[in-house]
Amino acid sequence: MSVYEYSATTIDGEERSLSEYEGRVLLIVNTASKCGFTPQYQELQELYEQYREQGFEVLGFPSNQFMNQEPGEEEEIREFCERNYGVTFPLFAKTDVKGENAHPLFRYLTKSAPGILVDDVKWNFTKFLISRKGEVIGRYAPTTKPFAVRNDIENALAQ
C-alpha cells in the first residue's frame, strides 16, 4: 500500500489521484483557518518554496472536525490561505480526517503511523511525511512546527 493508491478532491472541485505526486516527498497536513496552529501555514509555505525544486510537496487538507475551526466554504478557505499566508501549495476540499466518515487516505495514514494516545488524527495540523515511494515515514503532532520537520524532509529527499 502507498498514498498513490488514493485520490482526493482538490479545493477547486477536481478529483486528483495522488499518483500524480509519485516520486516526490510529501508532507500531508490537515489544516484549519481558525485554529491556534493556523500560523503554521507560513512555515509550510516556506518549506514548500525551499524544497519544491528538489521534489517536495505540501498537501493541505482543510477539516472542520475540531471545534468547527474550518467553517468556511472552499473558496473562502483558499482566499484566506492566499491572502494571509501566500499559500501556493496544493489545497484539497474540506475532508473528514477521523471517525467513521474519515477519508480513506487518512485511514491509511493513521493506520500506518498511529498516534501516541489515539490512532485517529488528534487535532488540526497533524502532519504525515511520505517517502518518494509513497510510504508514511513520519507523523508529527499539531504542536510540532513545520520547520522542526526540516531535517526529516531533507533526509527523505536524499533517498
N, C-alpha and C. Protein backbone atom coordinates (compact mmCIF):
# COMPACT_ATOMS: atom_id res chain seq x y z
N MET A 1 0.83 -1.19 0.00
CA MET A 1 0.00 0.00 0.00
C MET A 1 0.88 1.25 0.00
N SER A 2 0.34 2.29 -0.61
CA SER A 2 1.02 3.59 -0.59
C SER A 2 -0.05 4.67 -0.78
N VAL A 3 0.34 5.92 -0.54
CA VAL A 3 -0.61 7.03 -0.72
C VAL A 3 -1.01 7.16 -2.18
N TYR A 4 -0.21 6.62 -3.08
CA TYR A 4 -0.50 6.75 -4.51
C TYR A 4 -1.76 6.01 -4.93
N GLU A 5 -2.28 5.15 -4.07
CA GLU A 5 -3.49 4.39 -4.39
C GLU A 5 -4.76 5.18 -4.12
N TYR A 6 -4.61 6.39 -3.59
CA TYR A 6 -5.76 7.19 -3.21
C TYR A 6 -5.93 8.41 -4.11
N SER A 7 -7.12 8.93 -4.10
CA SER A 7 -7.38 10.18 -4.79
C SER A 7 -8.20 11.05 -3.84
N ALA A 8 -8.22 12.34 -4.13
CA ALA A 8 -8.96 13.28 -3.30
C ALA A 8 -9.42 14.43 -4.17
N THR A 9 -10.43 15.13 -3.70
CA THR A 9 -10.98 16.27 -4.42
C THR A 9 -10.19 17.52 -4.05
N THR A 10 -9.72 18.24 -5.07
CA THR A 10 -8.98 19.48 -4.82
C THR A 10 -9.94 20.56 -4.33
N ILE A 11 -9.38 21.64 -3.86
CA ILE A 11 -10.19 22.76 -3.39
C ILE A 11 -10.99 23.38 -4.54
N ASP A 12 -10.57 23.09 -5.77
CA ASP A 12 -11.29 23.56 -6.96
C ASP A 12 -12.35 22.57 -7.44
N GLY A 13 -12.51 21.46 -6.72
CA GLY A 13 -13.55 20.50 -7.05
C GLY A 13 -13.15 19.44 -8.05
N GLU A 14 -11.86 19.34 -8.37
CA GLU A 14 -11.38 18.32 -9.31
C GLU A 14 -10.86 17.12 -8.55
N GLU A 15 -11.17 15.93 -9.07
CA GLU A 15 -10.64 14.71 -8.46
C GLU A 15 -9.19 14.55 -8.90
N ARG A 16 -8.29 14.34 -7.94
CA ARG A 16 -6.87 14.22 -8.26
C ARG A 16 -6.32 12.94 -7.62
N SER A 17 -5.70 12.13 -8.45
CA SER A 17 -5.02 10.93 -7.95
C SER A 17 -3.71 11.34 -7.31
N LEU A 18 -3.44 10.80 -6.14
CA LEU A 18 -2.16 11.12 -5.50
C LEU A 18 -0.99 10.47 -6.24
N SER A 19 -1.29 9.60 -7.20
CA SER A 19 -0.22 9.04 -8.03
C SER A 19 0.46 10.13 -8.86
N GLU A 20 -0.21 11.29 -9.00
CA GLU A 20 0.41 12.42 -9.69
C GLU A 20 1.65 12.93 -8.95
N TYR A 21 1.76 12.58 -7.68
CA TYR A 21 2.89 13.02 -6.87
C TYR A 21 3.94 11.92 -6.70
N GLU A 22 3.80 10.86 -7.45
CA GLU A 22 4.74 9.74 -7.33
C GLU A 22 6.17 10.22 -7.54
N GLY A 23 7.07 9.75 -6.67
CA GLY A 23 8.47 10.11 -6.76
C GLY A 23 8.82 11.39 -6.00
N ARG A 24 7.83 12.03 -5.39
CA ARG A 24 8.05 13.25 -4.62
C ARG A 24 7.89 12.94 -3.14
N VAL A 25 8.56 13.71 -2.31
CA VAL A 25 8.37 13.63 -0.86
C VAL A 25 7.19 14.53 -0.53
N LEU A 26 6.25 14.01 0.26
CA LEU A 26 5.04 14.75 0.59
C LEU A 26 4.95 15.01 2.08
N LEU A 27 4.42 16.16 2.43
CA LEU A 27 4.01 16.44 3.79
C LEU A 27 2.51 16.70 3.72
N ILE A 28 1.73 15.74 4.22
CA ILE A 28 0.27 15.82 4.19
C ILE A 28 -0.17 16.36 5.55
N VAL A 29 -0.96 17.43 5.51
CA VAL A 29 -1.35 18.13 6.74
C VAL A 29 -2.85 18.41 6.72
N ASN A 30 -3.53 18.09 7.83
CA ASN A 30 -4.91 18.54 7.94
C ASN A 30 -4.89 19.93 8.56
N THR A 31 -5.60 20.85 7.95
CA THR A 31 -5.47 22.27 8.29
C THR A 31 -6.81 22.86 8.73
N ALA A 32 -6.73 24.07 9.28
CA ALA A 32 -7.93 24.83 9.66
C ALA A 32 -7.57 26.31 9.72
N SER A 33 -8.51 27.16 9.38
CA SER A 33 -8.26 28.60 9.29
C SER A 33 -8.46 29.35 10.61
N LYS A 34 -9.13 28.73 11.57
CA LYS A 34 -9.45 29.42 12.82
C LYS A 34 -8.93 28.64 14.02
N CYS A 35 -7.71 28.19 13.92
CA CYS A 35 -7.08 27.36 14.94
C CYS A 35 -5.86 28.09 15.49
N GLY A 36 -5.49 27.78 16.71
CA GLY A 36 -4.28 28.37 17.27
C GLY A 36 -3.04 28.00 16.49
N PHE A 37 -3.10 26.91 15.73
CA PHE A 37 -1.95 26.46 14.93
C PHE A 37 -1.99 27.00 13.50
N THR A 38 -3.00 27.77 13.14
CA THR A 38 -3.15 28.28 11.78
C THR A 38 -1.90 29.00 11.27
N PRO A 39 -1.16 29.75 12.12
CA PRO A 39 0.06 30.40 11.61
C PRO A 39 1.10 29.42 11.04
N GLN A 40 0.92 28.12 11.29
CA GLN A 40 1.84 27.14 10.69
C GLN A 40 1.77 27.16 9.17
N TYR A 41 0.70 27.70 8.61
CA TYR A 41 0.63 27.85 7.15
C TYR A 41 1.88 28.57 6.63
N GLN A 42 2.37 29.55 7.36
CA GLN A 42 3.54 30.33 6.93
C GLN A 42 4.76 29.43 6.76
N GLU A 43 5.06 28.61 7.78
CA GLU A 43 6.22 27.73 7.68
C GLU A 43 6.00 26.64 6.64
N LEU A 44 4.78 26.14 6.52
CA LEU A 44 4.50 25.15 5.48
C LEU A 44 4.79 25.72 4.10
N GLN A 45 4.36 26.96 3.87
CA GLN A 45 4.61 27.61 2.58
C GLN A 45 6.10 27.80 2.36
N GLU A 46 6.83 28.21 3.39
CA GLU A 46 8.27 28.42 3.24
C GLU A 46 9.00 27.11 2.95
N LEU A 47 8.60 26.02 3.59
CA LEU A 47 9.20 24.72 3.29
C LEU A 47 8.91 24.32 1.85
N TYR A 48 7.68 24.54 1.43
CA TYR A 48 7.28 24.22 0.07
C TYR A 48 8.14 24.98 -0.94
N GLU A 49 8.32 26.26 -0.71
CA GLU A 49 9.14 27.07 -1.61
C GLU A 49 10.60 26.64 -1.59
N GLN A 50 11.11 26.31 -0.42
CA GLN A 50 12.52 25.95 -0.29
C GLN A 50 12.86 24.62 -0.95
N TYR A 51 11.97 23.64 -0.85
CA TYR A 51 12.31 22.28 -1.29
C TYR A 51 11.54 21.79 -2.53
N ARG A 52 10.65 22.59 -3.05
CA ARG A 52 9.84 22.13 -4.17
C ARG A 52 10.68 21.68 -5.36
N GLU A 53 11.70 22.44 -5.69
CA GLU A 53 12.54 22.10 -6.84
C GLU A 53 13.30 20.79 -6.64
N GLN A 54 13.42 20.35 -5.38
CA GLN A 54 14.11 19.10 -5.07
C GLN A 54 13.14 17.91 -5.04
N GLY A 55 11.85 18.17 -5.26
CA GLY A 55 10.88 17.08 -5.29
C GLY A 55 10.03 16.99 -4.04
N PHE A 56 9.65 18.12 -3.47
CA PHE A 56 8.87 18.16 -2.24
C PHE A 56 7.54 18.86 -2.49
N GLU A 57 6.49 18.33 -1.89
CA GLU A 57 5.16 18.93 -1.97
C GLU A 57 4.52 18.95 -0.59
N VAL A 58 3.81 20.00 -0.29
CA VAL A 58 2.92 20.06 0.87
C VAL A 58 1.51 19.90 0.32
N LEU A 59 0.72 19.04 0.95
CA LEU A 59 -0.66 18.85 0.56
C LEU A 59 -1.53 19.19 1.76
N GLY A 60 -2.34 20.24 1.63
CA GLY A 60 -3.19 20.69 2.73
C GLY A 60 -4.61 20.19 2.59
N PHE A 61 -5.11 19.60 3.67
CA PHE A 61 -6.47 19.07 3.70
C PHE A 61 -7.26 19.77 4.80
N PRO A 62 -7.98 20.83 4.47
CA PRO A 62 -8.79 21.50 5.48
C PRO A 62 -9.82 20.54 6.09
N SER A 63 -10.04 20.68 7.38
CA SER A 63 -11.01 19.84 8.07
C SER A 63 -11.75 20.68 9.11
N ASN A 64 -13.03 20.45 9.22
CA ASN A 64 -13.85 21.18 10.18
C ASN A 64 -14.25 20.28 11.35
N GLN A 65 -13.48 19.24 11.61
CA GLN A 65 -13.85 18.26 12.63
C GLN A 65 -13.39 18.61 14.04
N PHE A 66 -12.65 19.68 14.20
CA PHE A 66 -12.12 20.01 15.51
C PHE A 66 -12.64 21.38 15.93
N MET A 67 -13.69 21.38 16.75
CA MET A 67 -14.32 22.59 17.27
C MET A 67 -14.73 23.58 16.17
N ASN A 68 -15.11 23.04 15.01
CA ASN A 68 -15.61 23.88 13.90
C ASN A 68 -14.63 25.00 13.54
N GLN A 69 -13.34 24.66 13.48
CA GLN A 69 -12.32 25.67 13.21
C GLN A 69 -12.04 25.87 11.72
N GLU A 70 -12.83 25.21 10.87
CA GLU A 70 -12.75 25.44 9.42
C GLU A 70 -14.18 25.51 8.87
N PRO A 71 -14.93 26.56 9.26
CA PRO A 71 -16.35 26.61 8.90
C PRO A 71 -16.62 27.07 7.47
N GLY A 72 -15.67 27.70 6.81
CA GLY A 72 -15.92 28.29 5.50
C GLY A 72 -16.04 27.29 4.38
N GLU A 73 -16.52 27.80 3.25
CA GLU A 73 -16.57 27.01 2.03
C GLU A 73 -15.19 27.03 1.38
N GLU A 74 -15.00 26.17 0.38
CA GLU A 74 -13.69 26.01 -0.24
C GLU A 74 -13.10 27.33 -0.75
N GLU A 75 -13.92 28.14 -1.43
CA GLU A 75 -13.41 29.40 -1.98
C GLU A 75 -12.94 30.33 -0.85
N GLU A 76 -13.67 30.36 0.25
CA GLU A 76 -13.26 31.18 1.41
C GLU A 76 -11.94 30.68 1.99
N ILE A 77 -11.80 29.38 2.07
CA ILE A 77 -10.58 28.78 2.61
C ILE A 77 -9.39 29.16 1.73
N ARG A 78 -9.54 28.98 0.42
CA ARG A 78 -8.45 29.29 -0.50
C ARG A 78 -8.06 30.77 -0.38
N GLU A 79 -9.05 31.65 -0.41
CA GLU A 79 -8.77 33.08 -0.32
C GLU A 79 -8.08 33.43 0.99
N PHE A 80 -8.53 32.85 2.09
CA PHE A 80 -7.90 33.09 3.39
C PHE A 80 -6.43 32.68 3.36
N CYS A 81 -6.16 31.48 2.84
CA CYS A 81 -4.78 30.97 2.82
C CYS A 81 -3.88 31.81 1.92
N GLU A 82 -4.38 32.20 0.76
CA GLU A 82 -3.59 33.01 -0.16
C GLU A 82 -3.35 34.41 0.40
N ARG A 83 -4.39 35.03 0.90
CA ARG A 83 -4.31 36.41 1.40
C ARG A 83 -3.43 36.52 2.65
N ASN A 84 -3.61 35.61 3.59
CA ASN A 84 -2.93 35.74 4.88
C ASN A 84 -1.56 35.06 4.94
N TYR A 85 -1.35 34.02 4.12
CA TYR A 85 -0.11 33.26 4.23
C TYR A 85 0.58 33.03 2.89
N GLY A 86 0.03 33.55 1.81
CA GLY A 86 0.64 33.39 0.50
C GLY A 86 0.71 31.94 0.04
N VAL A 87 -0.23 31.13 0.48
CA VAL A 87 -0.19 29.69 0.19
C VAL A 87 -0.33 29.44 -1.31
N THR A 88 0.64 28.70 -1.84
CA THR A 88 0.58 28.26 -3.24
C THR A 88 0.65 26.74 -3.35
N PHE A 89 0.87 26.05 -2.23
CA PHE A 89 0.90 24.58 -2.30
C PHE A 89 -0.53 24.05 -2.48
N PRO A 90 -0.67 22.82 -2.97
CA PRO A 90 -1.99 22.28 -3.25
C PRO A 90 -2.87 22.16 -2.00
N LEU A 91 -4.09 22.66 -2.13
CA LEU A 91 -5.10 22.50 -1.10
C LEU A 91 -6.22 21.63 -1.66
N PHE A 92 -6.81 20.87 -0.76
CA PHE A 92 -7.89 19.98 -1.15
C PHE A 92 -9.20 20.45 -0.51
N ALA A 93 -10.29 19.85 -0.94
CA ALA A 93 -11.60 20.19 -0.38
C ALA A 93 -11.64 19.80 1.09
N LYS A 94 -12.57 20.40 1.82
CA LYS A 94 -12.73 20.03 3.23
C LYS A 94 -12.92 18.53 3.32
N THR A 95 -12.22 17.94 4.27
CA THR A 95 -12.10 16.49 4.35
C THR A 95 -12.30 16.02 5.79
N ASP A 96 -13.05 14.94 5.96
CA ASP A 96 -13.09 14.28 7.27
C ASP A 96 -11.80 13.49 7.42
N VAL A 97 -11.11 13.71 8.53
CA VAL A 97 -9.82 13.07 8.75
C VAL A 97 -9.86 12.06 9.89
N LYS A 98 -11.02 11.94 10.54
CA LYS A 98 -11.17 10.98 11.62
C LYS A 98 -12.61 10.50 11.66
N GLY A 99 -12.82 9.43 12.39
CA GLY A 99 -14.17 8.89 12.57
C GLY A 99 -14.62 8.00 11.44
N GLU A 100 -15.87 7.60 11.51
CA GLU A 100 -16.38 6.61 10.55
C GLU A 100 -16.44 7.15 9.12
N ASN A 101 -16.49 8.47 8.96
CA ASN A 101 -16.52 9.05 7.62
C ASN A 101 -15.15 9.57 7.18
N ALA A 102 -14.11 9.17 7.88
CA ALA A 102 -12.76 9.62 7.52
C ALA A 102 -12.44 9.23 6.08
N HIS A 103 -11.78 10.14 5.38
CA HIS A 103 -11.34 9.85 4.01
C HIS A 103 -10.41 8.64 4.05
N PRO A 104 -10.52 7.74 3.08
CA PRO A 104 -9.66 6.55 3.06
C PRO A 104 -8.16 6.88 3.16
N LEU A 105 -7.73 8.00 2.59
CA LEU A 105 -6.32 8.39 2.70
C LEU A 105 -5.94 8.56 4.17
N PHE A 106 -6.77 9.23 4.94
CA PHE A 106 -6.44 9.46 6.35
C PHE A 106 -6.57 8.18 7.17
N ARG A 107 -7.44 7.28 6.77
CA ARG A 107 -7.48 5.96 7.43
C ARG A 107 -6.14 5.26 7.22
N TYR A 108 -5.66 5.31 5.98
CA TYR A 108 -4.36 4.69 5.67
C TYR A 108 -3.23 5.37 6.46
N LEU A 109 -3.21 6.70 6.47
CA LEU A 109 -2.14 7.42 7.17
C LEU A 109 -2.11 7.08 8.65
N THR A 110 -3.27 7.10 9.29
CA THR A 110 -3.30 6.86 10.73
C THR A 110 -3.04 5.40 11.07
N LYS A 111 -3.39 4.49 10.18
CA LYS A 111 -3.08 3.08 10.42
C LYS A 111 -1.58 2.84 10.24
N SER A 112 -0.98 3.52 9.28
CA SER A 112 0.45 3.36 9.01
C SER A 112 1.31 4.02 10.07
N ALA A 113 0.80 5.10 10.67
CA ALA A 113 1.56 5.84 11.69
C ALA A 113 0.60 6.25 12.80
N PRO A 114 0.27 5.29 13.69
CA PRO A 114 -0.66 5.62 14.77
C PRO A 114 -0.10 6.67 15.71
N GLY A 115 -0.99 7.42 16.31
CA GLY A 115 -0.57 8.43 17.27
C GLY A 115 -0.20 7.80 18.60
N ILE A 116 0.32 8.60 19.50
CA ILE A 116 0.74 8.11 20.81
C ILE A 116 -0.45 7.65 21.64
N LEU A 117 -1.47 8.47 21.72
CA LEU A 117 -2.63 8.13 22.54
C LEU A 117 -3.84 7.69 21.73
N VAL A 118 -3.91 8.13 20.49
CA VAL A 118 -5.04 7.78 19.64
C VAL A 118 -4.53 7.45 18.24
N ASP A 119 -5.24 6.54 17.59
CA ASP A 119 -4.87 6.22 16.21
C ASP A 119 -5.39 7.28 15.25
N ASP A 120 -6.53 7.88 15.56
CA ASP A 120 -7.10 8.92 14.71
C ASP A 120 -6.22 10.17 14.72
N VAL A 121 -6.51 11.06 13.80
CA VAL A 121 -5.92 12.39 13.84
C VAL A 121 -6.47 13.06 15.09
N LYS A 122 -5.59 13.61 15.91
CA LYS A 122 -5.99 14.17 17.19
C LYS A 122 -6.48 15.62 17.08
N TRP A 123 -5.89 16.40 16.17
CA TRP A 123 -6.22 17.82 16.08
C TRP A 123 -5.74 18.36 14.74
N ASN A 124 -6.10 19.61 14.46
CA ASN A 124 -5.64 20.29 13.26
C ASN A 124 -4.11 20.34 13.22
N PHE A 125 -3.58 20.33 12.02
CA PHE A 125 -2.15 20.45 11.75
C PHE A 125 -1.33 19.24 12.22
N THR A 126 -1.98 18.07 12.23
CA THR A 126 -1.23 16.83 12.32
C THR A 126 -0.57 16.64 10.96
N LYS A 127 0.71 16.22 10.98
CA LYS A 127 1.49 16.15 9.74
C LYS A 127 1.98 14.72 9.51
N PHE A 128 1.93 14.30 8.25
CA PHE A 128 2.44 12.98 7.85
C PHE A 128 3.47 13.19 6.75
N LEU A 129 4.68 12.67 6.98
CA LEU A 129 5.75 12.75 5.97
C LEU A 129 5.75 11.46 5.16
N ILE A 130 5.75 11.61 3.86
CA ILE A 130 5.63 10.49 2.92
C ILE A 130 6.89 10.41 2.07
N SER A 131 7.44 9.21 1.95
CA SER A 131 8.65 8.99 1.15
C SER A 131 8.35 9.09 -0.34
N ARG A 132 9.40 9.12 -1.12
CA ARG A 132 9.25 9.13 -2.59
C ARG A 132 8.53 7.88 -3.10
N LYS A 133 8.51 6.82 -2.29
CA LYS A 133 7.83 5.58 -2.66
C LYS A 133 6.37 5.57 -2.22
N GLY A 134 5.93 6.65 -1.58
CA GLY A 134 4.53 6.75 -1.17
C GLY A 134 4.23 6.16 0.19
N GLU A 135 5.27 5.87 0.97
CA GLU A 135 5.09 5.26 2.28
C GLU A 135 5.20 6.30 3.39
N VAL A 136 4.41 6.12 4.45
CA VAL A 136 4.47 7.01 5.60
C VAL A 136 5.78 6.76 6.34
N ILE A 137 6.58 7.81 6.51
CA ILE A 137 7.84 7.67 7.23
C ILE A 137 7.90 8.53 8.49
N GLY A 138 6.84 9.31 8.74
CA GLY A 138 6.81 10.10 9.95
C GLY A 138 5.45 10.70 10.20
N ARG A 139 5.13 10.83 11.48
CA ARG A 139 3.91 11.50 11.91
C ARG A 139 4.31 12.52 12.96
N TYR A 140 3.74 13.71 12.87
CA TYR A 140 4.13 14.81 13.75
C TYR A 140 2.88 15.43 14.36
N ALA A 141 2.97 15.72 15.63
CA ALA A 141 1.85 16.30 16.37
C ALA A 141 1.54 17.71 15.89
N PRO A 142 0.33 18.18 16.14
CA PRO A 142 -0.03 19.55 15.78
C PRO A 142 0.92 20.58 16.39
N THR A 143 1.45 20.29 17.56
CA THR A 143 2.35 21.24 18.23
C THR A 143 3.74 21.28 17.60
N THR A 144 4.07 20.30 16.76
CA THR A 144 5.36 20.28 16.08
C THR A 144 5.31 21.29 14.93
N LYS A 145 6.13 22.31 15.03
CA LYS A 145 6.15 23.33 13.98
C LYS A 145 6.77 22.73 12.72
N PRO A 146 6.29 23.17 11.56
CA PRO A 146 6.80 22.61 10.31
C PRO A 146 8.33 22.69 10.17
N PHE A 147 8.96 23.78 10.61
CA PHE A 147 10.42 23.87 10.49
C PHE A 147 11.13 22.77 11.28
N ALA A 148 10.48 22.23 12.32
CA ALA A 148 11.09 21.16 13.11
C ALA A 148 11.17 19.85 12.32
N VAL A 149 10.48 19.79 11.21
CA VAL A 149 10.46 18.59 10.37
C VAL A 149 11.51 18.69 9.25
N ARG A 150 12.17 19.83 9.16
CA ARG A 150 13.10 20.11 8.06
C ARG A 150 14.16 19.01 7.86
N ASN A 151 14.80 18.54 8.93
CA ASN A 151 15.84 17.51 8.77
C ASN A 151 15.27 16.23 8.20
N ASP A 152 14.06 15.86 8.66
CA ASP A 152 13.44 14.65 8.13
C ASP A 152 13.08 14.82 6.65
N ILE A 153 12.64 16.00 6.27
CA ILE A 153 12.34 16.28 4.87
C ILE A 153 13.63 16.14 4.04
N GLU A 154 14.71 16.74 4.51
CA GLU A 154 15.98 16.68 3.78
C GLU A 154 16.46 15.23 3.66
N ASN A 155 16.32 14.45 4.73
CA ASN A 155 16.73 13.04 4.66
C ASN A 155 15.89 12.27 3.64
N ALA A 156 14.58 12.53 3.63
CA ALA A 156 13.70 11.86 2.68
C ALA A 156 14.04 12.27 1.24
N LEU A 157 14.35 13.53 1.03
CA LEU A 157 14.72 13.99 -0.30
C LEU A 157 16.02 13.37 -0.78
N ALA A 158 16.91 13.04 0.15
CA ALA A 158 18.20 12.46 -0.20
C ALA A 158 18.10 10.98 -0.59
N GLN A 159 16.96 10.36 -0.29
CA GLN A 159 16.78 8.92 -0.58
C GLN A 159 16.55 8.70 -2.05
